[in-house]
C-alpha atoms as a PDB file:
ATOM      1  CA  MET A   1     -12.292 -71.690 -45.618  1.00  0.00           C
ATOM      2  CA  THR A   2     -15.861 -72.963 -46.008  1.00  0.00           C
ATOM      3  CA  LYS A   3     -17.866 -70.655 -48.235  1.00  0.00           C
ATOM      4  CA  PRO A   4     -21.226 -69.480 -46.881  1.00  0.00           C
ATOM      5  CA  ILE A   5     -24.653 -70.137 -48.357  1.00  0.00           C
ATOM      6  CA  ALA A   6     -26.399 -66.918 -49.415  1.00  0.00           C
ATOM      7  CA  ILE A   7     -30.113 -66.613 -48.676  1.00  0.00           C
ATOM      8  CA  ILE A   8     -31.844 -63.900 -50.702  1.00  0.00           C
ATOM      9  CA  ALA A   9     -34.506 -62.355 -48.478  1.00  0.00           C
ATOM     10  CA  GLY A  10     -37.118 -62.527 -51.253  1.00  0.00           C
ATOM     11  CA  GLU A  11     -40.298 -60.480 -51.487  1.00  0.00           C
ATOM     12  CA  PRO A  12     -40.187 -58.128 -48.469  1.00  0.00           C
ATOM     13  CA  ASN A  13     -43.975 -58.160 -48.106  1.00  0.00           C
ATOM     14  CA  SER A  14     -44.347 -61.899 -47.700  1.00  0.00           C
ATOM     15  CA  ILE A  15     -43.563 -64.694 -45.236  1.00  0.00           C
ATOM     16  CA  SER A  16     -39.889 -64.638 -46.313  1.00  0.00           C
ATOM     17  CA  SER A  17     -38.496 -62.890 -43.219  1.00  0.00           C
ATOM     18  CA  GLU A  18     -40.581 -65.082 -40.905  1.00  0.00           C
ATOM     19  CA  ILE A  19     -39.254 -68.342 -42.353  1.00  0.00           C
ATOM     20  CA  ILE A  20     -35.711 -66.918 -42.254  1.00  0.00           C
ATOM     21  CA  PHE A  21     -36.037 -66.091 -38.543  1.00  0.00           C
ATOM     22  CA  LYS A  22     -37.571 -69.487 -37.728  1.00  0.00           C
ATOM     23  CA  SER A  23     -34.887 -71.336 -39.689  1.00  0.00           C
ATOM     24  CA  TRP A  24     -32.145 -69.317 -38.004  1.00  0.00           C
ATOM     25  CA  LYS A  25     -33.469 -70.135 -34.532  1.00  0.00           C
ATOM     26  CA  LEU A  26     -33.310 -73.865 -35.361  1.00  0.00           C
ATOM     27  CA  ARG A  27     -30.042 -73.793 -37.322  1.00  0.00           C
ATOM     28  CA  LYS A  28     -27.897 -75.648 -34.781  1.00  0.00           C
ATOM     29  CA  ARG A  29     -29.949 -78.781 -35.409  1.00  0.00           C
ATOM     30  CA  TYR A  30     -29.164 -79.025 -39.113  1.00  0.00           C
ATOM     31  CA  VAL A  31     -26.725 -76.392 -40.477  1.00  0.00           C
ATOM     32  CA  HIS A  32     -23.203 -77.576 -41.317  1.00  0.00           C
ATOM     33  CA  LYS A  33     -22.194 -74.503 -43.306  1.00  0.00           C
ATOM     34  CA  PRO A  34     -22.254 -70.759 -42.543  1.00  0.00           C
ATOM     35  CA  LEU A  35     -25.168 -68.642 -43.752  1.00  0.00           C
ATOM     36  CA  ILE A  36     -25.558 -65.048 -44.861  1.00  0.00           C
ATOM     37  CA  ILE A  37     -28.728 -63.138 -45.715  1.00  0.00           C
ATOM     38  CA  ILE A  38     -28.866 -60.754 -48.669  1.00  0.00           C
ATOM     39  CA  GLY A  39     -31.474 -58.139 -47.802  1.00  0.00           C
ATOM     40  CA  ASN A  40     -32.196 -54.847 -46.070  1.00  0.00           C
ATOM     41  CA  ILE A  41     -31.126 -54.716 -42.415  1.00  0.00           C
ATOM     42  CA  GLN A  42     -33.501 -51.915 -41.402  1.00  0.00           C
ATOM     43  CA  LEU A  43     -36.514 -53.770 -42.796  1.00  0.00           C
ATOM     44  CA  LEU A  44     -35.457 -57.099 -41.265  1.00  0.00           C
ATOM     45  CA  ASN A  45     -35.204 -55.376 -37.878  1.00  0.00           C
ATOM     46  CA  LEU A  46     -38.704 -53.915 -38.313  1.00  0.00           C
ATOM     47  CA  GLN A  47     -40.079 -57.327 -39.258  1.00  0.00           C
ATOM     48  CA  LYS A  48     -38.208 -59.020 -36.415  1.00  0.00           C
ATOM     49  CA  LYS A  49     -39.842 -56.633 -33.948  1.00  0.00           C
ATOM     50  CA  ARG A  50     -43.307 -57.137 -35.472  1.00  0.00           C
ATOM     51  CA  LEU A  51     -42.929 -60.931 -35.355  1.00  0.00           C
ATOM     52  CA  LYS A  52     -41.450 -60.780 -31.818  1.00  0.00           C
ATOM     53  CA  TYR A  53     -38.143 -62.508 -32.480  1.00  0.00           C
ATOM     54  CA  ARG A  54     -35.109 -61.818 -30.307  1.00  0.00           C
ATOM     55  CA  ILE A  55     -32.428 -62.190 -32.936  1.00  0.00           C
ATOM     56  CA  LYS A  56     -29.308 -60.060 -33.227  1.00  0.00           C
ATOM     57  CA  ILE A  57     -28.662 -58.832 -36.774  1.00  0.00           C
ATOM     58  CA  LYS A  58     -25.343 -57.460 -37.979  1.00  0.00           C
ATOM     59  CA  GLU A  59     -24.045 -56.142 -41.313  1.00  0.00           C
ATOM     60  CA  ILE A  60     -21.187 -58.211 -42.710  1.00  0.00           C
ATOM     61  CA  LYS A  61     -20.105 -55.920 -45.562  1.00  0.00           C
ATOM     62  CA  ASN A  62     -17.386 -57.927 -47.340  1.00  0.00           C
ATOM     63  CA  ASN A  63     -16.290 -59.984 -44.357  1.00  0.00           C
ATOM     64  CA  PHE A  64     -16.840 -63.656 -45.273  1.00  0.00           C
ATOM     65  CA  ASN A  65     -14.565 -65.101 -42.579  1.00  0.00           C
ATOM     66  CA  THR A  66     -16.047 -68.429 -41.446  1.00  0.00           C
ATOM     67  CA  LYS A  67     -15.369 -67.834 -37.724  1.00  0.00           C
ATOM     68  CA  TYR A  68     -17.085 -64.471 -37.948  1.00  0.00           C
ATOM     69  CA  LEU A  69     -20.125 -65.943 -39.695  1.00  0.00           C
ATOM     70  CA  ASN A  70     -20.513 -68.818 -37.224  1.00  0.00           C
ATOM     71  CA  LYS A  71     -21.374 -66.479 -34.357  1.00  0.00           C
ATOM     72  CA  ASP A  72     -24.902 -66.211 -32.916  1.00  0.00           C
ATOM     73  CA  ILE A  73     -25.580 -63.023 -34.859  1.00  0.00           C
ATOM     74  CA  LEU A  74     -27.586 -63.192 -38.094  1.00  0.00           C
ATOM     75  CA  PRO A  75     -25.149 -61.881 -40.751  1.00  0.00           C
ATOM     76  CA  VAL A  76     -26.747 -59.676 -43.402  1.00  0.00           C
ATOM     77  CA  TYR A  77     -25.259 -58.267 -46.599  1.00  0.00           C
ATOM     78  CA  ASP A  78     -27.184 -54.989 -46.586  1.00  0.00           C
ATOM     79  CA  VAL A  79     -29.119 -53.944 -49.690  1.00  0.00           C
ATOM     80  CA  LYS A  80     -30.457 -50.392 -49.879  1.00  0.00           C
ATOM     81  CA  TYR A  81     -34.238 -50.224 -49.566  1.00  0.00           C
ATOM     82  CA  LYS A  82     -36.685 -47.949 -47.740  1.00  0.00           C
ATOM     83  CA  GLN A  83     -39.966 -49.164 -46.313  1.00  0.00           C
ATOM     84  CA  LYS A  84     -41.618 -47.480 -43.330  1.00  0.00           C
ATOM     85  CA  LYS A  85     -43.863 -50.337 -42.198  1.00  0.00           C
ATOM     86  CA  PRO A  86     -42.786 -53.953 -41.606  1.00  0.00           C
ATOM     87  CA  PHE A  87     -45.191 -55.238 -44.253  1.00  0.00           C
ATOM     88  CA  GLN A  88     -46.843 -53.343 -47.090  1.00  0.00           C
ATOM     89  CA  ARG A  89     -48.154 -54.196 -50.527  1.00  0.00           C
ATOM     90  CA  ILE A  90     -46.015 -55.671 -53.288  1.00  0.00           C
ATOM     91  CA  SER A  91     -44.935 -52.837 -55.582  1.00  0.00           C
ATOM     92  CA  SER A  92     -42.549 -51.890 -58.369  1.00  0.00           C
ATOM     93  CA  LYS A  93     -40.258 -50.568 -55.610  1.00  0.00           C
ATOM     94  CA  SER A  94     -40.101 -53.932 -53.855  1.00  0.00           C
ATOM     95  CA  ASN A  95     -39.541 -55.606 -57.240  1.00  0.00           C
ATOM     96  CA  ARG A  96     -36.504 -53.395 -57.910  1.00  0.00           C
ATOM     97  CA  TYR A  97     -35.166 -54.327 -54.475  1.00  0.00           C
ATOM     98  CA  ILE A  98     -35.481 -58.054 -55.266  1.00  0.00           C
ATOM     99  CA  PHE A  99     -33.587 -57.615 -58.551  1.00  0.00           C
ATOM    100  CA  LYS A 100     -30.810 -55.809 -56.615  1.00  0.00           C
ATOM    101  CA  CYS A 101     -30.590 -58.745 -54.191  1.00  0.00           C
ATOM    102  CA  PHE A 102     -30.293 -61.234 -57.046  1.00  0.00           C
ATOM    103  CA  GLY A 103     -27.678 -59.058 -58.753  1.00  0.00           C
ATOM    104  CA  ILE A 104     -25.546 -58.999 -55.604  1.00  0.00           C
ATOM    105  CA  ALA A 105     -25.893 -62.772 -55.153  1.00  0.00           C
ATOM    106  CA  ILE A 106     -24.852 -63.460 -58.753  1.00  0.00           C
ATOM    107  CA  ASN A 107     -21.795 -61.192 -58.358  1.00  0.00           C
ATOM    108  CA  LEU A 108     -20.818 -62.987 -55.141  1.00  0.00           C
ATOM    109  CA  ILE A 109     -21.056 -66.291 -57.011  1.00  0.00           C
ATOM    110  CA  LYS A 110     -18.889 -64.961 -59.850  1.00  0.00           C
ATOM    111  CA  ASN A 111     -16.311 -63.742 -57.332  1.00  0.00           C
ATOM    112  CA  LYS A 112     -16.359 -67.153 -55.599  1.00  0.00           C
ATOM    113  CA  LYS A 113     -17.435 -65.659 -52.258  1.00  0.00           C
ATOM    114  CA  ILE A 114     -20.424 -67.951 -51.688  1.00  0.00           C
ATOM    115  CA  LEU A 115     -21.219 -71.635 -52.187  1.00  0.00           C
ATOM    116  CA  GLY A 116     -24.645 -71.130 -53.759  1.00  0.00           C
ATOM    117  CA  ILE A 117     -27.970 -69.323 -53.557  1.00  0.00           C
ATOM    118  CA  ILE A 118     -31.258 -69.917 -51.806  1.00  0.00           C
ATOM    119  CA  ASN A 119     -33.948 -67.426 -52.687  1.00  0.00           C
ATOM    120  CA  CYS A 120     -36.938 -66.964 -50.438  1.00  0.00           C
ATOM    121  CA  PRO A 121     -40.390 -66.689 -52.073  1.00  0.00           C
ATOM    122  CA  ILE A 122     -41.149 -63.996 -54.637  1.00  0.00           C
ATOM    123  CA  SER A 123     -44.250 -63.162 -56.645  1.00  0.00           C
ATOM    124  CA  LYS A 124     -43.138 -64.124 -60.156  1.00  0.00           C
ATOM    125  CA  GLU A 125     -46.304 -62.626 -61.684  1.00  0.00           C
ATOM    126  CA  SER A 126     -45.472 -59.225 -60.183  1.00  0.00           C
ATOM    127  CA  LEU A 127     -41.683 -59.446 -60.561  1.00  0.00           C
ATOM    128  CA  PHE A 128     -41.402 -60.668 -64.142  1.00  0.00           C
ATOM    129  CA  LYS A 129     -44.715 -59.662 -65.726  1.00  0.00           C
ATOM    130  CA  ASN A 130     -44.411 -61.476 -69.079  1.00  0.00           C
ATOM    131  CA  LYS A 131     -40.614 -61.334 -69.411  1.00  0.00           C
ATOM    132  CA  HIS A 132     -39.800 -64.674 -67.747  1.00  0.00           C
ATOM    133  CA  GLN A 133     -41.830 -67.696 -66.678  1.00  0.00           C
ATOM    134  CA  GLY A 134     -40.091 -67.757 -63.297  1.00  0.00           C
ATOM    135  CA  ILE A 135     -36.805 -67.594 -61.373  1.00  0.00           C
ATOM    136  CA  THR A 136     -35.575 -70.759 -63.120  1.00  0.00           C
ATOM    137  CA  GLU A 137     -35.765 -69.118 -66.548  1.00  0.00           C
ATOM    138  CA  PHE A 138     -34.553 -65.716 -65.267  1.00  0.00           C
ATOM    139  CA  LEU A 139     -31.357 -67.177 -63.785  1.00  0.00           C
ATOM    140  CA  SER A 140     -30.689 -69.423 -66.779  1.00  0.00           C
ATOM    141  CA  LYS A 141     -30.795 -66.385 -69.061  1.00  0.00           C
ATOM    142  CA  LYS A 142     -28.452 -64.494 -66.726  1.00  0.00           C
ATOM    143  CA  ALA A 143     -26.047 -67.446 -66.808  1.00  0.00           C
ATOM    144  CA  GLY A 144     -26.218 -67.767 -70.601  1.00  0.00           C
ATOM    145  CA  ILE A 145     -27.728 -71.261 -70.549  1.00  0.00           C
ATOM    146  CA  GLU A 146     -31.269 -70.351 -71.582  1.00  0.00           C
ATOM    147  CA  GLY A 147     -33.179 -73.441 -72.698  1.00  0.00           C
ATOM    148  CA  ASN A 148     -30.845 -75.824 -70.865  1.00  0.00           C
ATOM    149  CA  GLU A 149     -32.271 -75.262 -67.389  1.00  0.00           C
ATOM    150  CA  VAL A 150     -34.281 -77.892 -65.523  1.00  0.00           C
ATOM    151  CA  MET A 151     -36.699 -77.392 -62.638  1.00  0.00           C
ATOM    152  CA  LEU A 152     -36.318 -80.232 -60.150  1.00  0.00           C
ATOM    153  CA  ILE A 153     -38.655 -80.431 -57.161  1.00  0.00           C
ATOM    154  CA  TYR A 154     -36.574 -82.573 -54.831  1.00  0.00           C
ATOM    155  CA  ASN A 155     -37.357 -84.917 -51.982  1.00  0.00           C
ATOM    156  CA  LYS A 156     -34.980 -87.690 -50.915  1.00  0.00           C
ATOM    157  CA  LYS A 157     -37.742 -90.270 -51.512  1.00  0.00           C
ATOM    158  CA  LEU A 158     -38.842 -88.960 -54.919  1.00  0.00           C
ATOM    159  CA  SER A 159     -38.220 -85.920 -57.110  1.00  0.00           C
ATOM    160  CA  VAL A 160     -40.271 -84.568 -59.992  1.00  0.00           C
ATOM    161  CA  SER A 161     -39.481 -82.385 -62.967  1.00  0.00           C
ATOM    162  CA  PRO A 162     -41.885 -80.758 -65.440  1.00  0.00           C
ATOM    163  CA  LEU A 163     -40.766 -80.601 -69.068  1.00  0.00           C
ATOM    164  CA  THR A 164     -42.703 -77.343 -69.460  1.00  0.00           C
ATOM    165  CA  THR A 165     -43.059 -75.011 -66.480  1.00  0.00           C
ATOM    166  CA  HIS A 166     -45.380 -72.037 -66.014  1.00  0.00           C
ATOM    167  CA  ILE A 167     -47.262 -71.956 -69.305  1.00  0.00           C
ATOM    168  CA  PRO A 168     -50.986 -72.318 -70.068  1.00  0.00           C
ATOM    169  CA  LEU A 169     -52.080 -75.905 -70.635  1.00  0.00           C
ATOM    170  CA  ARG A 170     -53.204 -75.211 -74.197  1.00  0.00           C
ATOM    171  CA  TYR A 171     -49.590 -74.518 -75.228  1.00  0.00           C
ATOM    172  CA  VAL A 172     -48.044 -77.666 -73.719  1.00  0.00           C
ATOM    173  CA  SER A 173     -48.419 -80.058 -76.660  1.00  0.00           C
ATOM    174  CA  ASN A 174     -46.627 -77.603 -78.969  1.00  0.00           C
ATOM    175  CA  LYS A 175     -43.667 -77.373 -76.574  1.00  0.00           C
ATOM    176  CA  ILE A 176     -43.070 -81.122 -76.353  1.00  0.00           C
ATOM    177  CA  ASN A 177     -40.367 -82.513 -78.613  1.00  0.00           C
ATOM    178  CA  LYS A 178     -37.866 -85.363 -78.584  1.00  0.00           C
ATOM    179  CA  PHE A 179     -34.824 -83.079 -78.288  1.00  0.00           C
ATOM    180  CA  ALA A 180     -36.216 -81.254 -75.226  1.00  0.00           C
ATOM    181  CA  ILE A 181     -37.033 -84.511 -73.424  1.00  0.00           C
ATOM    182  CA  ILE A 182     -33.575 -86.010 -74.065  1.00  0.00           C
ATOM    183  CA  LYS A 183     -31.868 -82.808 -72.938  1.00  0.00           C
ATOM    184  CA  LYS A 184     -33.817 -82.678 -69.651  1.00  0.00           C
ATOM    185  CA  ILE A 185     -33.102 -86.360 -68.961  1.00  0.00           C
ATOM    186  CA  LYS A 186     -29.354 -85.814 -69.499  1.00  0.00           C
ATOM    187  CA  VAL A 187     -29.245 -82.805 -67.134  1.00  0.00           C
ATOM    188  CA  ILE A 188     -31.135 -84.704 -64.409  1.00  0.00           C
ATOM    189  CA  ASN A 189     -28.922 -87.779 -64.810  1.00  0.00           C
ATOM    190  CA  ASN A 190     -25.713 -85.720 -64.644  1.00  0.00           C
ATOM    191  CA  PHE A 191     -26.928 -83.903 -61.524  1.00  0.00           C
ATOM    192  CA  TYR A 192     -27.631 -87.138 -59.639  1.00  0.00           C
ATOM    193  CA  LYS A 193     -24.271 -88.578 -60.677  1.00  0.00           C
ATOM    194  CA  LYS A 194     -22.408 -85.465 -59.539  1.00  0.00           C
ATOM    195  CA  ILE A 195     -24.224 -84.803 -56.246  1.00  0.00           C
ATOM    196  CA  PHE A 196     -25.247 -88.304 -55.134  1.00  0.00           C
ATOM    197  CA  ASN A 197     -22.837 -90.476 -57.131  1.00  0.00           C
ATOM    198  CA  LYS A 198     -25.671 -92.571 -58.537  1.00  0.00           C
ATOM    199  CA  ASN A 199     -27.394 -93.282 -61.824  1.00  0.00           C
ATOM    200  CA  PRO A 200     -31.000 -92.352 -61.072  1.00  0.00           C
ATOM    201  CA  ASN A 201     -34.061 -94.306 -62.144  1.00  0.00           C
ATOM    202  CA  ILE A 202     -36.053 -91.832 -64.239  1.00  0.00           C
ATOM    203  CA  ALA A 203     -39.691 -92.407 -65.179  1.00  0.00           C
ATOM    204  CA  VAL A 204     -41.172 -90.368 -68.045  1.00  0.00           C
ATOM    205  CA  LEU A 205     -44.918 -89.752 -68.161  1.00  0.00           C
ATOM    206  CA  GLY A 206     -47.143 -89.663 -71.204  1.00  0.00           C
ATOM    207  CA  LEU A 207     -49.155 -86.591 -72.052  1.00  0.00           C
ATOM    208  CA  ASN A 208     -52.617 -88.037 -72.644  1.00  0.00           C
ATOM    209  CA  PRO A 209     -54.893 -89.787 -70.147  1.00  0.00           C
ATOM    210  CA  HIS A 210     -53.936 -93.494 -70.065  1.00  0.00           C
ATOM    211  CA  ASN A 211     -51.363 -92.680 -72.801  1.00  0.00           C
ATOM    212  CA  PHE A 212     -54.166 -92.823 -75.329  1.00  0.00           C
ATOM    213  CA  SER A 213     -55.264 -90.330 -77.986  1.00  0.00           C
ATOM    214  CA  SER A 214     -57.590 -90.668 -80.955  1.00  0.00           C
ATOM    215  CA  ALA A 215     -54.912 -89.062 -83.123  1.00  0.00           C
ATOM    216  CA  ASN A 216     -53.173 -91.321 -85.646  1.00  0.00           C
ATOM    217  CA  LYS A 217     -49.830 -90.781 -83.928  1.00  0.00           C
ATOM    218  CA  PRO A 218     -50.215 -89.499 -80.355  1.00  0.00           C
ATOM    219  CA  GLU A 219     -47.380 -87.725 -78.539  1.00  0.00           C
ATOM    220  CA  GLU A 220     -46.461 -90.916 -76.667  1.00  0.00           C
ATOM    221  CA  GLU A 221     -45.777 -92.817 -79.892  1.00  0.00           C
ATOM    222  CA  LYS A 222     -44.399 -89.982 -81.987  1.00  0.00           C
ATOM    223  CA  ILE A 223     -42.230 -88.073 -79.477  1.00  0.00           C
ATOM    224  CA  ILE A 224     -41.936 -89.517 -75.961  1.00  0.00           C
ATOM    225  CA  SER A 225     -41.101 -93.180 -76.724  1.00  0.00           C
ATOM    226  CA  PRO A 226     -38.352 -92.287 -79.246  1.00  0.00           C
ATOM    227  CA  ALA A 227     -36.820 -89.893 -76.697  1.00  0.00           C
ATOM    228  CA  ILE A 228     -36.752 -92.636 -74.042  1.00  0.00           C
ATOM    229  CA  LYS A 229     -35.137 -95.096 -76.463  1.00  0.00           C
ATOM    230  CA  ALA A 230     -32.473 -92.518 -77.358  1.00  0.00           C
ATOM    231  CA  ALA A 231     -31.713 -91.913 -73.670  1.00  0.00           C
ATOM    232  CA  ASN A 232     -31.444 -95.658 -73.016  1.00  0.00           C
ATOM    233  CA  LYS A 233     -28.859 -95.938 -75.788  1.00  0.00           C
ATOM    234  CA  LYS A 234     -26.754 -93.465 -73.785  1.00  0.00           C
ATOM    235  CA  ARG A 235     -26.975 -95.863 -70.827  1.00  0.00           C
ATOM    236  CA  ILE A 236     -29.328 -93.647 -68.857  1.00  0.00           C
ATOM    237  CA  LYS A 237     -31.910 -95.571 -66.828  1.00  0.00           C
ATOM    238  CA  VAL A 238     -35.247 -94.324 -68.171  1.00  0.00           C
ATOM    239  CA  ILE A 239     -38.595 -96.078 -68.462  1.00  0.00           C
ATOM    240  CA  GLY A 240     -41.914 -95.017 -69.946  1.00  0.00           C
ATOM    241  CA  PRO A 241     -44.036 -93.514 -71.129  1.00  0.00           C
ATOM    242  CA  ILE A 242     -45.950 -94.300 -67.945  1.00  0.00           C
ATOM    243  CA  PRO A 243     -49.668 -93.461 -67.634  1.00  0.00           C
ATOM    244  CA  PRO A 244     -49.766 -90.336 -65.431  1.00  0.00           C
ATOM    245  CA  ASP A 245     -52.703 -91.496 -63.304  1.00  0.00           C
ATOM    246  CA  THR A 246     -50.830 -94.502 -61.847  1.00  0.00           C
ATOM    247  CA  SER A 247     -47.264 -93.151 -61.790  1.00  0.00           C
ATOM    248  CA  PHE A 248     -47.280 -91.967 -58.183  1.00  0.00           C
ATOM    249  CA  MET A 249     -48.677 -95.307 -57.047  1.00  0.00           C
ATOM    250  CA  LEU A 250     -45.772 -97.120 -58.685  1.00  0.00           C
ATOM    251  CA  PHE A 251     -42.750 -95.073 -57.628  1.00  0.00           C
ATOM    252  CA  LYS A 252     -41.926 -97.159 -54.515  1.00  0.00           C
ATOM    253  CA  GLN A 253     -42.436-100.483 -56.278  1.00  0.00           C
ATOM    254  CA  HIS A 254     -40.164 -99.521 -59.177  1.00  0.00           C
ATOM    255  CA  LYS A 255     -37.805 -97.369 -57.068  1.00  0.00           C
ATOM    256  CA  PHE A 256     -38.134 -94.247 -59.206  1.00  0.00           C
ATOM    257  CA  ASP A 257     -35.788 -91.441 -58.206  1.00  0.00           C
ATOM    258  CA  VAL A 258     -37.339 -88.888 -60.566  1.00  0.00           C
ATOM    259  CA  ILE A 259     -40.621 -88.600 -62.436  1.00  0.00           C
ATOM    260  CA  LEU A 260     -40.396 -86.367 -65.509  1.00  0.00           C
ATOM    261  CA  GLY A 261     -43.812 -85.012 -66.497  1.00  0.00           C
ATOM    262  CA  MET A 262     -44.921 -83.117 -69.558  1.00  0.00           C
ATOM    263  CA  TYR A 263     -46.343 -80.113 -67.724  1.00  0.00           C
ATOM    264  CA  HIS A 264     -46.204 -78.384 -64.338  1.00  0.00           C
ATOM    265  CA  ASP A 265     -49.325 -79.578 -62.519  1.00  0.00           C
ATOM    266  CA  GLN A 266     -49.111 -83.108 -63.925  1.00  0.00           C
ATOM    267  CA  VAL A 267     -46.291 -83.797 -61.454  1.00  0.00           C
ATOM    268  CA  LEU A 268     -46.519 -80.975 -58.903  1.00  0.00           C
ATOM    269  CA  THR A 269     -50.097 -81.639 -57.778  1.00  0.00           C
ATOM    270  CA  PRO A 270     -49.617 -85.289 -56.702  1.00  0.00           C
ATOM    271  CA  PHE A 271     -46.117 -84.542 -55.431  1.00  0.00           C
ATOM    272  CA  LYS A 272     -47.326 -81.801 -53.064  1.00  0.00           C
ATOM    273  CA  ALA A 273     -50.186 -84.031 -51.902  1.00  0.00           C
ATOM    274  CA  LEU A 274     -47.565 -86.625 -50.887  1.00  0.00           C
ATOM    275  CA  PHE A 275     -44.788 -84.447 -49.457  1.00  0.00           C
ATOM    276  CA  LYS A 276     -46.349 -81.051 -48.613  1.00  0.00           C
ATOM    277  CA  TYR A 277     -43.529 -78.767 -47.328  1.00  0.00           C
ATOM    278  CA  ASP A 278     -40.891 -81.504 -47.345  1.00  0.00           C
ATOM    279  CA  ALA A 279     -39.556 -80.483 -50.766  1.00  0.00           C
ATOM    280  CA  ILE A 280     -37.313 -77.915 -52.400  1.00  0.00           C
ATOM    281  CA  ASN A 281     -37.015 -76.375 -55.863  1.00  0.00           C
ATOM    282  CA  ILE A 282     -33.556 -76.807 -57.430  1.00  0.00           C
ATOM    283  CA  THR A 283     -32.527 -75.244 -60.737  1.00  0.00           C
ATOM    284  CA  LEU A 284     -30.316 -77.706 -62.613  1.00  0.00           C
ATOM    285  CA  GLY A 285     -27.984 -76.684 -65.427  1.00  0.00           C
ATOM    286  CA  LEU A 286     -26.649 -73.514 -63.795  1.00  0.00           C
ATOM    287  CA  PRO A 287     -22.910 -73.168 -63.064  1.00  0.00           C
ATOM    288  CA  TYR A 288     -23.841 -72.968 -59.353  1.00  0.00           C
ATOM    289  CA  ILE A 289     -26.449 -74.395 -56.963  1.00  0.00           C
ATOM    290  CA  ARG A 290     -29.695 -72.457 -56.733  1.00  0.00           C
ATOM    291  CA  ILE A 291     -32.506 -73.619 -54.472  1.00  0.00           C
ATOM    292  CA  SER A 292     -35.766 -72.141 -53.249  1.00  0.00           C
ATOM    293  CA  PRO A 293     -38.512 -73.293 -50.900  1.00  0.00           C
ATOM    294  CA  ASP A 294     -41.272 -75.041 -52.818  1.00  0.00           C
ATOM    295  CA  HIS A 295     -44.035 -72.586 -51.928  1.00  0.00           C
ATOM    296  CA  GLY A 296     -45.133 -69.030 -52.607  1.00  0.00           C
ATOM    297  CA  ILE A 297     -45.281 -65.745 -50.727  1.00  0.00           C
ATOM    298  CA  ALA A 298     -48.467 -66.651 -48.767  1.00  0.00           C
ATOM    299  CA  GLU A 299     -49.944 -63.143 -48.714  1.00  0.00           C
ATOM    300  CA  ASN A 300     -52.881 -64.337 -46.609  1.00  0.00           C
ATOM    301  CA  ILE A 301     -50.701 -65.109 -43.561  1.00  0.00           C
ATOM    302  CA  VAL A 302     -48.030 -62.388 -43.775  1.00  0.00           C
ATOM    303  CA  GLY A 303     -47.068 -61.076 -40.343  1.00  0.00           C
ATOM    304  CA  LYS A 304     -49.194 -63.638 -38.466  1.00  0.00           C
ATOM    305  CA  GLY A 305     -46.332 -65.800 -37.214  1.00  0.00           C
ATOM    306  CA  ILE A 306     -47.794 -69.071 -38.519  1.00  0.00           C
ATOM    307  CA  ALA A 307     -45.663 -69.669 -41.637  1.00  0.00           C
ATOM    308  CA  ASN A 308     -44.062 -73.101 -41.973  1.00  0.00           C
ATOM    309  CA  PRO A 309     -40.230 -72.896 -42.379  1.00  0.00           C
ATOM    310  CA  ASN A 310     -39.678 -76.569 -43.265  1.00  0.00           C
ATOM    311  CA  SER A 311     -39.068 -76.055 -46.976  1.00  0.00           C
ATOM    312  CA  LEU A 312     -36.460 -73.357 -46.323  1.00  0.00           C
ATOM    313  CA  ILE A 313     -34.821 -75.620 -43.725  1.00  0.00           C
ATOM    314  CA  GLU A 314     -34.704 -78.450 -46.286  1.00  0.00           C
ATOM    315  CA  SER A 315     -33.186 -76.005 -48.813  1.00  0.00           C
ATOM    316  CA  ILE A 316     -30.394 -75.171 -46.368  1.00  0.00           C
ATOM    317  CA  LYS A 317     -29.873 -78.820 -45.425  1.00  0.00           C
ATOM    318  CA  PHE A 318     -29.384 -79.789 -49.066  1.00  0.00           C
ATOM    319  CA  PHE A 319     -26.108 -77.866 -49.117  1.00  0.00           C
ATOM    320  CA  ASN A 320     -24.710 -80.490 -46.745  1.00  0.00           C
ATOM    321  CA  HIS A 321     -24.324 -82.580 -49.952  1.00  0.00           C
ATOM    322  CA  ILE A 322     -22.233 -79.842 -51.626  1.00  0.00           C
ATOM    323  CA  LYS A 323     -18.465 -79.771 -51.195  1.00  0.00           C
END
């Protein structure tokens, strides 16, 4: 029996339900595996009515039979939650609901009921406060692999990965070390070998503009170059450090599969300029596949019916690679 993909409904007061409904309507074009939604049925019905979608929704309880899930009814694993209006403000109540959804998904993974997890957008600032940097770090702690997780923003033409994720820029240089770089490179390399059966070409960026610093031993010379040399000795295809300002001009010429940057916006800003919604966020290092759309909750367009579902669709399509 083919295991279903579980989609966590995400922040209830966001575009999450809209992109779920849009993706579901188009599913026959791209879905090869059954889907289930983890969320509140009553709220999804309210949001469906507000957004004017004619979709049948049905509770699945513990029935994960593939034939049952492949029907034209959106299957939902119901999570208790009360909200009178289709869309309200983000609150501590909605945060507790999201944690319940994640808890259920993790239990389903442990019990081998589902193939993997896609979580729709959440507000990490509201959900985690200062406890976790984001979902990547939250799930890695839950799985007992804290510090070994890797954020990969994936596109079939090029993927990027930040060595440090959601931290202020002033802290980045203190978080960069040879061990961390080597560890991230290994995780990325192993992922590409397992999923795509290939040894990826990985480019590592420097930290400083043009890889130059007035310091006696800049990060490129002291930390990044030795890490690249160590990875090469393990027969991993890595080059660098590459000047960040030209890296995205060179990726086609040098056939980079992945660009590893030193901080979040160093790689995410040019990547999003190139690929927009045609990208997904994959957490590497977990004992299961976790993906999310590469965008936020879009509070400014909630309930307006104009949200773009492409990143969620790409998240679902990626599971076609998973056996």
